[in-house]
Amino acid sequence: MKGVVLAGGLGSRLYPLTKVTNKHLLPVYNEPMIYYPLRILVNAGIDEILIVTGGNNAGDFLRLLENGKDFGLKHINYAYQQGEGGIAAALSLAEHFADRDKIAVVLGDNIIEGNIKKAAEKFRTQKDGARILLKEVPDPQRFGVPVFDGKRIIRIEEKPEKPASHYAVIGIYMYDYRVFEFIQSLKPSQRGELEITDVNNFYIREGNMQWDVLEGWWSDAGTFESLQSAGQMVAKTGANKL
């Protein structure tokens, strides 16, 4: 299984901090944000990793991370996203890198306390399909929210006004090679983006979506409030260390 970190976008919710740098290079307590999603993948036993980034500061990732020796890696792959097209559009740039292998995808602003080893092992033995991670949150309307029928997810609703559950689909996804076929068939949403929720719903309609609940705390670090909260949690309890 290969790993993909999506670290593009304009980070407009964190302006003016992101006026001069990429959001994923901002500090979360004592480390750059990008360190945390990288460790999520490495701790899951993944050593082939692609970072998808963009904007005017893409070269800073190479200067910071080099080939990944600080993470025990021999090499890191990089891809450049022009403009903004949504999470699914960024993921589409990983098709050649994936080479029909299974992939684990982490959004670059995801900070977790623990690891995803158990979920990753389950997906390695899963014949095909997808696997997502959920977390109970106080504000599910900010995220994609699963709708359950018993223990089965029947659809995911993107940022619903009236959430059907208290769970959020966090930014860690695992897919088989068909994810790129699904992305090619997507149409832009009202936001003009290719939505990862639409990709997940493809798998759900097929009956080929599995899920786990993430243990420990999680933050998406994409707003001033969540960035501050993530830093405080890392300072207090630590986060996913190698």
Protein backbone atom coordinates (compact mmCIF):
# COMPACT_ATOMS: atom_id res chain seq x y z
CA MET A 1 0.00 0.00 0.00
CA LYS A 2 1.23 3.47 -0.87
CA GLY A 3 0.59 6.77 0.89
CA VAL A 4 -0.53 10.18 -0.34
CA VAL A 5 -0.49 13.45 1.60
CA LEU A 6 -2.64 16.19 0.11
CA ALA A 7 -1.02 19.52 1.04
CA GLY A 8 -2.20 21.95 -1.62
CA GLY A 9 -4.88 24.63 -1.59
CA LEU A 10 -4.73 28.29 -0.68
CA GLY A 11 -5.49 27.98 3.03
CA SER A 12 -7.81 30.98 2.78
CA ARG A 13 -9.38 30.32 6.18
CA LEU A 14 -5.98 31.01 7.76
CA TYR A 15 -5.27 34.26 5.88
CA PRO A 16 -3.09 36.35 6.40
CA LEU A 17 -0.83 33.61 7.82
CA THR A 18 -1.03 31.84 4.48
CA LYS A 19 -0.28 34.96 2.47
CA VAL A 20 3.43 34.12 2.54
CA THR A 21 3.50 30.35 3.06
CA ASN A 22 1.59 27.14 2.50
CA LYS A 23 -0.84 26.26 5.31
CA HIS A 24 0.81 22.88 5.83
CA LEU A 25 4.13 24.54 6.68
CA LEU A 26 2.64 26.47 9.60
CA PRO A 27 3.68 25.33 13.08
CA VAL A 28 1.52 23.05 15.20
CA TYR A 29 3.12 23.54 18.61
CA ASN A 30 6.80 22.74 17.95
CA GLU A 31 6.73 21.15 14.47
CA PRO A 32 5.55 22.04 10.96
CA MET A 33 2.02 20.79 10.26
CA ILE A 34 3.19 18.53 7.40
CA TYR A 35 5.17 16.36 9.85
CA TYR A 36 1.98 14.95 11.40
CA PRO A 37 0.30 13.44 8.31
CA LEU A 38 3.66 12.07 7.18
CA ARG A 39 4.04 10.25 10.48
CA ILE A 40 0.50 8.90 10.21
CA LEU A 41 1.54 7.06 7.06
CA VAL A 42 4.99 5.98 8.27
CA ASN A 43 3.52 4.62 11.51
CA ALA A 44 1.10 2.57 9.42
CA GLY A 45 4.05 0.84 7.77
CA ILE A 46 3.92 2.84 4.53
CA ASP A 47 7.25 3.94 3.08
CA GLU A 48 6.26 4.93 -0.47
CA ILE A 49 4.76 8.39 -0.08
CA LEU A 50 3.66 11.15 -2.44
CA ILE A 51 3.08 14.75 -1.32
CA VAL A 52 0.70 16.73 -3.54
CA THR A 53 1.14 20.47 -3.08
CA GLY A 54 0.87 23.69 -5.07
CA GLY A 55 1.02 27.47 -4.93
CA ASN A 56 4.12 29.64 -4.66
CA ASN A 57 5.72 27.76 -1.77
CA ALA A 58 5.86 24.21 -3.15
CA GLY A 59 9.66 24.27 -3.15
CA ASP A 60 9.68 24.84 0.61
CA PHE A 61 8.47 21.27 1.15
CA LEU A 62 11.55 19.93 -0.61
CA ARG A 63 13.82 22.16 1.46
CA LEU A 64 12.12 21.11 4.68
CA LEU A 65 11.58 17.40 4.10
CA GLU A 66 14.30 16.59 1.58
CA ASN A 67 14.01 12.82 0.92
CA GLY A 68 12.41 12.07 4.26
CA LYS A 69 15.43 10.85 6.22
CA ASP A 70 14.02 12.32 9.45
CA PHE A 71 11.06 9.95 9.00
CA GLY A 72 13.13 6.90 8.15
CA LEU A 73 12.37 7.22 4.45
CA LYS A 74 14.79 6.85 1.56
CA HIS A 75 12.70 8.92 -0.83
CA ILE A 76 9.64 11.18 -0.98
CA ASN A 77 7.73 11.78 -4.20
CA TYR A 78 6.23 15.19 -5.02
CA ALA A 79 3.44 16.31 -7.37
CA TYR A 80 2.33 19.86 -8.17
CA GLN A 81 -1.35 20.91 -8.31
CA GLN A 82 -2.15 23.97 -10.38
CA GLY A 83 -4.88 26.08 -8.82
CA GLU A 84 -7.62 24.64 -6.62
CA GLY A 85 -10.00 21.92 -7.72
CA GLY A 86 -10.93 20.13 -4.54
CA ILE A 87 -9.57 17.15 -2.66
CA ALA A 88 -10.56 14.65 -5.34
CA ALA A 89 -8.85 16.70 -8.05
CA ALA A 90 -5.65 16.78 -5.99
CA LEU A 91 -5.86 13.04 -5.45
CA SER A 92 -6.19 12.44 -9.19
CA LEU A 93 -2.55 13.57 -9.54
CA ALA A 94 -1.50 10.43 -7.64
CA GLU A 95 -2.78 7.96 -10.25
CA HIS A 96 0.59 7.31 -11.89
CA PHE A 97 2.29 7.05 -8.49
CA ALA A 98 -0.31 4.57 -7.19
CA ASP A 99 0.24 2.26 -10.18
CA ARG A 100 -2.97 0.30 -9.38
CA ASP A 101 -1.87 -0.37 -5.80
CA LYS A 102 -4.03 0.38 -2.77
CA ILE A 103 -3.50 3.84 -1.32
CA ALA A 104 -3.91 5.56 2.04
CA VAL A 105 -4.71 9.26 1.70
CA VAL A 106 -4.20 11.82 4.48
CA LEU A 107 -5.21 15.46 4.27
CA GLY A 108 -2.21 17.58 5.20
CA ASP A 109 -3.92 19.40 8.06
CA ASN A 110 -4.96 16.26 9.96
CA ILE A 111 -3.41 15.86 13.42
CA ILE A 112 -4.10 12.73 15.45
CA GLU A 113 -3.00 11.57 18.88
CA GLY A 114 -2.37 7.94 18.01
CA ASN A 115 -2.04 5.99 14.77
CA ILE A 116 -4.04 4.12 12.12
CA LYS A 117 -2.14 0.83 12.25
CA LYS A 118 -5.21 -1.33 12.93
CA ALA A 119 -7.28 0.27 10.17
CA ALA A 120 -4.39 0.04 7.72
CA GLU A 121 -3.89 -3.67 8.46
CA LYS A 122 -7.60 -4.31 7.96
CA PHE A 123 -7.47 -2.55 4.61
CA ARG A 124 -4.42 -4.50 3.51
CA THR A 125 -6.42 -7.71 3.95
CA GLN A 126 -9.63 -6.20 2.53
CA LYS A 127 -10.13 -7.59 -0.97
CA ASP A 128 -11.19 -4.31 -2.57
CA GLY A 129 -13.25 -1.19 -1.97
CA ALA A 130 -12.55 1.61 0.50
CA ARG A 131 -12.19 2.26 4.22
CA ILE A 132 -12.72 5.54 6.04
CA LEU A 133 -12.13 6.72 9.59
CA LEU A 134 -14.78 8.41 11.72
CA LYS A 135 -14.61 10.48 14.87
CA GLU A 136 -17.40 11.73 17.12
CA VAL A 137 -17.26 15.54 17.19
CA PRO A 138 -19.31 18.39 18.73
CA ASP A 139 -19.68 20.21 15.38
CA PRO A 140 -20.32 17.57 12.68
CA GLN A 141 -21.94 20.18 10.40
CA ARG A 142 -18.40 21.33 9.51
CA PHE A 143 -17.57 18.00 7.90
CA GLY A 144 -18.80 15.09 5.84
CA VAL A 145 -21.26 13.22 8.07
CA PRO A 146 -22.14 9.51 7.75
CA VAL A 147 -25.78 8.44 7.68
CA PHE A 148 -26.23 5.01 9.28
CA ASP A 149 -28.66 2.17 8.82
CA GLY A 150 -27.70 0.09 11.82
CA LYS A 151 -23.92 -0.26 11.54
CA ARG A 152 -23.91 0.25 7.79
CA ILE A 153 -23.18 3.66 6.26
CA ILE A 154 -25.79 4.34 3.56
CA ARG A 155 -24.45 7.74 2.47
CA ILE A 156 -22.25 10.64 3.49
CA GLU A 157 -23.69 14.15 3.56
CA GLU A 158 -21.29 17.06 3.06
CA LYS A 159 -21.57 19.79 5.70
CA PRO A 160 -25.28 19.16 6.47
CA GLU A 161 -27.30 21.79 8.33
CA LYS A 162 -28.95 19.00 10.34
CA PRO A 163 -26.38 16.22 10.77
CA ALA A 164 -27.75 12.68 10.84
CA SER A 165 -25.10 11.60 13.34
CA HIS A 166 -22.45 13.07 15.61
CA TYR A 167 -19.64 11.52 13.57
CA ALA A 168 -17.34 13.27 11.12
CA VAL A 169 -15.52 11.58 8.27
CA ILE A 170 -11.98 12.64 9.08
CA GLY A 171 -9.39 13.32 6.40
CA ILE A 172 -7.88 9.83 6.28
CA TYR A 173 -9.14 7.60 3.45
CA MET A 174 -8.08 4.25 2.02
CA TYR A 175 -8.95 3.25 -1.55
CA ASP A 176 -8.37 0.57 -4.11
CA TYR A 177 -7.16 1.52 -7.61
CA ARG A 178 -10.68 2.23 -8.87
CA VAL A 179 -10.75 5.52 -6.98
CA PHE A 180 -9.19 7.19 -10.02
CA GLU A 181 -11.95 5.87 -12.29
CA PHE A 182 -14.53 7.33 -9.92
CA ILE A 183 -12.75 10.70 -9.87
CA GLN A 184 -12.76 10.86 -13.67
CA SER A 185 -16.55 10.53 -13.64
CA LEU A 186 -17.14 13.32 -11.11
CA LYS A 187 -18.74 16.64 -11.90
CA PRO A 188 -17.84 19.80 -9.96
CA SER A 189 -20.02 20.62 -6.96
CA GLN A 190 -21.67 23.98 -6.31
CA ARG A 191 -18.31 25.10 -4.93
CA GLY A 192 -16.75 24.29 -8.30
CA GLU A 193 -14.68 21.47 -6.81
CA LEU A 194 -14.45 17.70 -7.18
CA GLU A 195 -15.61 16.48 -3.78
CA ILE A 196 -14.09 13.53 -1.93
CA THR A 197 -17.52 12.91 -0.41
CA ASP A 198 -18.81 12.06 -3.89
CA VAL A 199 -15.97 9.55 -4.27
CA ASN A 200 -16.84 7.94 -0.94
CA ASN A 201 -20.49 7.73 -1.92
CA PHE A 202 -19.52 5.79 -5.06
CA TYR A 203 -18.06 3.07 -2.86
CA ILE A 204 -21.04 3.21 -0.49
CA ARG A 205 -23.53 2.69 -3.33
CA GLU A 206 -21.50 -0.35 -4.38
CA GLY A 207 -21.68 -1.73 -0.86
CA ASN A 208 -17.91 -1.63 -0.75
CA MET A 209 -17.18 0.83 2.06
CA GLN A 210 -15.81 -0.18 5.46
CA TRP A 211 -15.18 2.10 8.42
CA ASP A 212 -13.43 2.38 11.77
CA VAL A 213 -13.63 4.87 14.62
CA LEU A 214 -10.34 6.64 15.32
CA GLU A 215 -9.00 6.26 18.84
CA GLY A 216 -7.61 9.30 20.64
CA TRP A 217 -8.12 12.94 19.76
CA TRP A 218 -8.15 14.43 16.27
CA SER A 219 -8.08 17.92 14.81
CA ASP A 220 -8.20 19.17 11.24
CA ALA A 221 -6.12 22.32 12.03
CA GLY A 222 -7.70 24.18 9.11
CA THR A 223 -9.09 27.17 11.00
CA PHE A 224 -7.57 29.52 13.56
CA GLU A 225 -9.57 27.81 16.31
CA SER A 226 -8.69 24.24 15.30
CA LEU A 227 -5.04 25.14 14.65
CA GLN A 228 -4.77 26.58 18.15
CA SER A 229 -6.62 23.62 19.63
CA ALA A 230 -4.34 21.15 17.85
CA GLY A 231 -1.25 22.93 19.16
CA GLN A 232 -2.60 22.87 22.70
CA MET A 233 -3.43 19.15 22.48
CA VAL A 234 0.02 18.31 21.11
CA ALA A 235 1.64 20.33 23.91
CA LYS A 236 -0.52 18.61 26.54
CA THR A 237 -0.65 14.98 25.41
CA GLY A 238 1.70 14.66 22.45
CA ALA A 239 0.79 13.40 19.01
CA ASN A 240 1.69 10.56 16.69
CA LYS A 241 5.43 10.13 17.18
CA LEU A 242 7.68 7.72 15.31
